[in-house]
C-alpha cells in the first residue's frame, strides 16, 4: 500500500477558519486525509518535515503546548496544519 495525502474539502476551506484569541490573529486550519501510514515514527517524521519547511512561513506556534500546530492523527487518517492568515 502506498502513502497518499490529499486536502479535504478544498472548496470550503474557509469554514475551518478560527480566531486565535491569544495572539489576536486569524488562523486557518488545513485538514488532509492520509492513507497508508500506520507507524508513529513515520507520522512524527511528517510532522517534523512540515514544521521545518513552514515554521518561518506562517505556521502557528502554540505557546502553551510549546509546539507548532501540525498534527498527524493515525487513527483518523488525518493531518491538521494551522497557519496564520495573511492580512491583505
N, C-alpha and C. Protein backbone atom coordinates (compact mmCIF):
# COMPACT_ATOMS: atom_id res chain seq x y z
N UNK A 1 0.84 -1.17 0.00
CA UNK A 1 0.00 0.00 0.00
C UNK A 1 0.89 1.24 0.00
N UNK A 2 0.61 2.19 -0.85
CA UNK A 2 1.40 3.42 -0.91
C UNK A 2 0.75 4.50 -0.05
N UNK A 3 1.57 5.43 0.40
CA UNK A 3 1.07 6.55 1.19
C UNK A 3 0.41 7.56 0.27
N UNK A 4 -0.66 8.16 0.77
CA UNK A 4 -1.40 9.13 -0.02
C UNK A 4 -1.87 10.25 0.91
N UNK A 5 -1.68 11.49 0.49
CA UNK A 5 -2.14 12.65 1.26
C UNK A 5 -2.93 13.54 0.33
N UNK A 6 -4.13 13.92 0.76
CA UNK A 6 -4.94 14.83 -0.05
C UNK A 6 -5.68 15.80 0.85
N UNK A 7 -5.87 17.03 0.35
CA UNK A 7 -6.56 18.07 1.08
C UNK A 7 -8.05 17.74 1.13
N UNK A 8 -8.62 17.82 2.32
CA UNK A 8 -10.05 17.57 2.49
C UNK A 8 -10.81 18.86 2.27
N UNK A 9 -11.85 18.82 1.42
CA UNK A 9 -12.79 19.92 1.25
C UNK A 9 -12.10 21.23 0.88
N UNK A 10 -11.33 21.22 -0.19
CA UNK A 10 -10.56 22.38 -0.63
C UNK A 10 -11.45 23.59 -0.91
N UNK A 11 -12.64 23.38 -1.45
CA UNK A 11 -13.52 24.49 -1.82
C UNK A 11 -14.06 25.22 -0.61
N UNK A 12 -14.23 24.53 0.51
CA UNK A 12 -14.82 25.14 1.70
C UNK A 12 -13.81 25.30 2.82
N UNK A 13 -12.56 25.49 2.49
CA UNK A 13 -11.50 25.55 3.50
C UNK A 13 -11.71 26.70 4.47
N UNK A 14 -12.35 27.78 4.04
CA UNK A 14 -12.58 28.92 4.93
C UNK A 14 -13.52 28.59 6.07
N UNK A 15 -14.31 27.53 5.96
CA UNK A 15 -15.17 27.11 7.04
C UNK A 15 -14.36 26.63 8.24
N UNK A 16 -13.10 26.26 8.01
CA UNK A 16 -12.25 25.80 9.09
C UNK A 16 -11.49 26.94 9.75
N UNK A 17 -11.71 28.19 9.29
CA UNK A 17 -11.03 29.34 9.88
C UNK A 17 -11.51 29.54 11.30
N UNK A 18 -10.61 30.06 12.13
CA UNK A 18 -10.99 30.34 13.51
C UNK A 18 -10.19 31.53 14.00
N UNK A 19 -10.63 32.11 15.09
CA UNK A 19 -9.94 33.25 15.67
C UNK A 19 -8.98 32.76 16.74
N UNK A 20 -7.74 33.18 16.67
CA UNK A 20 -6.73 32.85 17.67
C UNK A 20 -6.81 33.93 18.74
N UNK A 21 -7.45 33.62 19.85
CA UNK A 21 -7.73 34.61 20.88
C UNK A 21 -6.46 35.16 21.52
N UNK A 22 -5.46 34.33 21.75
CA UNK A 22 -4.26 34.78 22.45
C UNK A 22 -3.47 35.80 21.65
N UNK A 23 -3.32 35.58 20.37
CA UNK A 23 -2.49 36.45 19.54
C UNK A 23 -3.29 37.44 18.72
N UNK A 24 -4.61 37.39 18.80
CA UNK A 24 -5.49 38.24 18.03
C UNK A 24 -5.20 38.15 16.54
N UNK A 25 -4.80 36.99 16.09
CA UNK A 25 -4.57 36.73 14.67
C UNK A 25 -5.55 35.69 14.20
N UNK A 26 -6.03 35.86 12.99
CA UNK A 26 -6.92 34.88 12.41
C UNK A 26 -6.09 33.73 11.87
N UNK A 27 -6.55 32.51 12.11
CA UNK A 27 -5.84 31.33 11.64
C UNK A 27 -6.71 30.53 10.70
N UNK A 28 -6.07 29.68 9.93
CA UNK A 28 -6.79 28.76 9.05
C UNK A 28 -6.19 27.38 9.26
N UNK A 29 -7.07 26.39 9.36
CA UNK A 29 -6.66 25.01 9.58
C UNK A 29 -6.87 24.23 8.29
N UNK A 30 -5.80 23.64 7.79
CA UNK A 30 -5.88 22.76 6.64
C UNK A 30 -5.92 21.34 7.15
N UNK A 31 -6.88 20.59 6.68
CA UNK A 31 -7.05 19.20 7.10
C UNK A 31 -6.83 18.30 5.90
N UNK A 32 -5.97 17.32 6.06
CA UNK A 32 -5.61 16.41 4.98
C UNK A 32 -6.00 14.99 5.34
N UNK A 33 -6.43 14.25 4.35
CA UNK A 33 -6.69 12.82 4.51
C UNK A 33 -5.39 12.08 4.20
N UNK A 34 -5.00 11.17 5.08
CA UNK A 34 -3.77 10.41 4.90
C UNK A 34 -4.11 8.93 4.83
N UNK A 35 -3.59 8.26 3.83
CA UNK A 35 -3.80 6.82 3.70
C UNK A 35 -2.45 6.12 3.64
N UNK A 36 -2.39 4.91 4.17
CA UNK A 36 -1.21 4.08 4.05
C UNK A 36 -0.17 4.29 5.12
N UNK A 37 -0.44 5.13 6.10
CA UNK A 37 0.54 5.38 7.16
C UNK A 37 0.03 4.73 8.44
N UNK A 38 0.83 3.83 9.01
CA UNK A 38 0.42 3.12 10.21
C UNK A 38 1.44 3.21 11.34
N UNK A 39 2.52 3.92 11.12
CA UNK A 39 3.65 3.92 12.05
C UNK A 39 3.82 5.29 12.70
N UNK A 40 3.99 5.31 14.01
CA UNK A 40 4.18 6.57 14.73
C UNK A 40 5.47 7.25 14.30
N UNK A 41 6.50 6.48 14.03
CA UNK A 41 7.77 7.06 13.57
C UNK A 41 7.57 7.80 12.25
N UNK A 42 6.78 7.23 11.36
CA UNK A 42 6.50 7.88 10.06
C UNK A 42 5.70 9.16 10.26
N UNK A 43 4.67 9.11 11.10
CA UNK A 43 3.86 10.31 11.32
C UNK A 43 4.68 11.40 12.00
N UNK A 44 5.58 11.04 12.89
CA UNK A 44 6.46 12.02 13.53
C UNK A 44 7.40 12.65 12.51
N UNK A 45 7.89 11.86 11.58
CA UNK A 45 8.77 12.38 10.52
C UNK A 45 8.01 13.38 9.65
N UNK A 46 6.76 13.09 9.35
CA UNK A 46 5.93 14.00 8.55
C UNK A 46 5.73 15.31 9.32
N UNK A 47 5.39 15.22 10.61
CA UNK A 47 5.20 16.42 11.43
C UNK A 47 6.47 17.26 11.47
N UNK A 48 7.62 16.63 11.67
CA UNK A 48 8.90 17.36 11.70
C UNK A 48 9.20 18.03 10.36
N UNK A 49 8.93 17.30 9.27
CA UNK A 49 9.18 17.86 7.94
C UNK A 49 8.32 19.07 7.65
N UNK A 50 7.03 18.99 7.98
CA UNK A 50 6.12 20.13 7.79
C UNK A 50 6.58 21.30 8.65
N UNK A 51 6.92 21.03 9.92
CA UNK A 51 7.38 22.09 10.82
C UNK A 51 8.63 22.77 10.27
N UNK A 52 9.60 21.99 9.87
CA UNK A 52 10.85 22.57 9.37
C UNK A 52 10.66 23.37 8.10
N UNK A 53 9.74 22.95 7.26
CA UNK A 53 9.50 23.64 5.99
C UNK A 53 8.71 24.94 6.18
N UNK A 54 7.75 24.95 7.12
CA UNK A 54 6.81 26.07 7.20
C UNK A 54 6.88 26.90 8.47
N UNK A 55 7.81 26.63 9.39
CA UNK A 55 7.83 27.37 10.65
C UNK A 55 8.10 28.86 10.45
N UNK A 56 8.78 29.23 9.41
CA UNK A 56 9.03 30.65 9.12
C UNK A 56 8.09 31.21 8.06
N UNK A 57 7.05 30.44 7.74
CA UNK A 57 6.12 30.85 6.67
C UNK A 57 4.68 30.91 7.17
N UNK A 58 4.51 31.21 8.47
CA UNK A 58 3.16 31.42 9.00
C UNK A 58 2.57 30.25 9.75
N UNK A 59 3.33 29.19 9.99
CA UNK A 59 2.84 28.06 10.77
C UNK A 59 2.64 28.52 12.21
N UNK A 60 1.49 28.19 12.79
CA UNK A 60 1.16 28.65 14.14
C UNK A 60 1.98 27.90 15.18
N UNK A 61 2.54 28.65 16.13
CA UNK A 61 3.25 28.08 17.27
C UNK A 61 2.39 28.28 18.50
N UNK A 62 2.05 27.19 19.19
CA UNK A 62 1.23 27.23 20.40
C UNK A 62 2.15 27.44 21.61
N UNK A 63 2.06 28.62 22.22
CA UNK A 63 2.92 28.96 23.36
C UNK A 63 2.64 28.07 24.57
N UNK A 64 1.38 27.69 24.78
CA UNK A 64 1.02 26.86 25.93
C UNK A 64 1.60 25.46 25.81
N UNK A 65 1.48 24.86 24.63
CA UNK A 65 1.96 23.50 24.42
C UNK A 65 3.42 23.46 23.97
N UNK A 66 3.98 24.62 23.66
CA UNK A 66 5.38 24.74 23.21
C UNK A 66 5.67 23.85 22.00
N UNK A 67 4.78 23.97 20.99
CA UNK A 67 4.98 23.21 19.76
C UNK A 67 4.22 23.87 18.62
N UNK A 68 4.65 23.54 17.41
CA UNK A 68 3.96 24.03 16.22
C UNK A 68 2.69 23.21 15.99
N UNK A 69 1.70 23.83 15.37
CA UNK A 69 0.39 23.20 15.20
C UNK A 69 0.34 22.34 13.94
N UNK A 70 1.02 21.20 14.01
CA UNK A 70 1.00 20.17 12.98
C UNK A 70 0.66 18.88 13.70
N UNK A 71 -0.46 18.26 13.33
CA UNK A 71 -0.89 17.05 14.00
C UNK A 71 -1.24 15.97 12.99
N UNK A 72 -0.55 14.83 13.06
CA UNK A 72 -0.93 13.65 12.29
C UNK A 72 -1.68 12.74 13.25
N UNK A 73 -2.92 12.41 12.90
CA UNK A 73 -3.77 11.57 13.74
C UNK A 73 -3.97 10.25 13.00
N UNK A 74 -3.16 9.26 13.36
CA UNK A 74 -3.16 8.00 12.62
C UNK A 74 -4.51 7.28 12.66
N UNK A 75 -5.15 7.25 13.82
CA UNK A 75 -6.42 6.52 13.94
C UNK A 75 -7.52 7.10 13.07
N UNK A 76 -7.47 8.41 12.83
CA UNK A 76 -8.48 9.06 12.00
C UNK A 76 -8.03 9.25 10.56
N UNK A 77 -6.78 8.86 10.26
CA UNK A 77 -6.21 9.03 8.91
C UNK A 77 -6.26 10.49 8.47
N UNK A 78 -5.87 11.39 9.39
CA UNK A 78 -5.91 12.82 9.09
C UNK A 78 -4.64 13.51 9.55
N UNK A 79 -4.36 14.65 8.91
CA UNK A 79 -3.33 15.56 9.35
C UNK A 79 -3.93 16.95 9.36
N UNK A 80 -3.69 17.69 10.44
CA UNK A 80 -4.16 19.07 10.54
C UNK A 80 -2.95 19.98 10.68
N UNK A 81 -2.94 21.05 9.89
CA UNK A 81 -1.87 22.03 9.91
C UNK A 81 -2.51 23.41 10.03
N UNK A 82 -2.06 24.21 11.00
CA UNK A 82 -2.66 25.52 11.26
C UNK A 82 -1.67 26.63 10.90
N UNK A 83 -2.15 27.57 10.09
CA UNK A 83 -1.37 28.72 9.66
C UNK A 83 -2.08 30.00 10.07
N UNK A 84 -1.28 31.07 10.26
CA UNK A 84 -1.88 32.39 10.39
C UNK A 84 -2.31 32.85 9.02
N UNK A 85 -3.50 33.46 8.95
CA UNK A 85 -3.95 34.04 7.68
C UNK A 85 -3.15 35.30 7.43
N UNK A 86 -2.76 35.48 6.18
CA UNK A 86 -2.03 36.69 5.83
C UNK A 86 -3.03 37.83 5.64
N UNK A 87 -2.71 38.95 6.21
CA UNK A 87 -3.57 40.13 6.09
C UNK A 87 -3.30 40.82 4.76
N UNK A 88 -4.39 41.27 4.11
CA UNK A 88 -4.25 41.96 2.82
C UNK A 88 -4.03 43.42 3.01
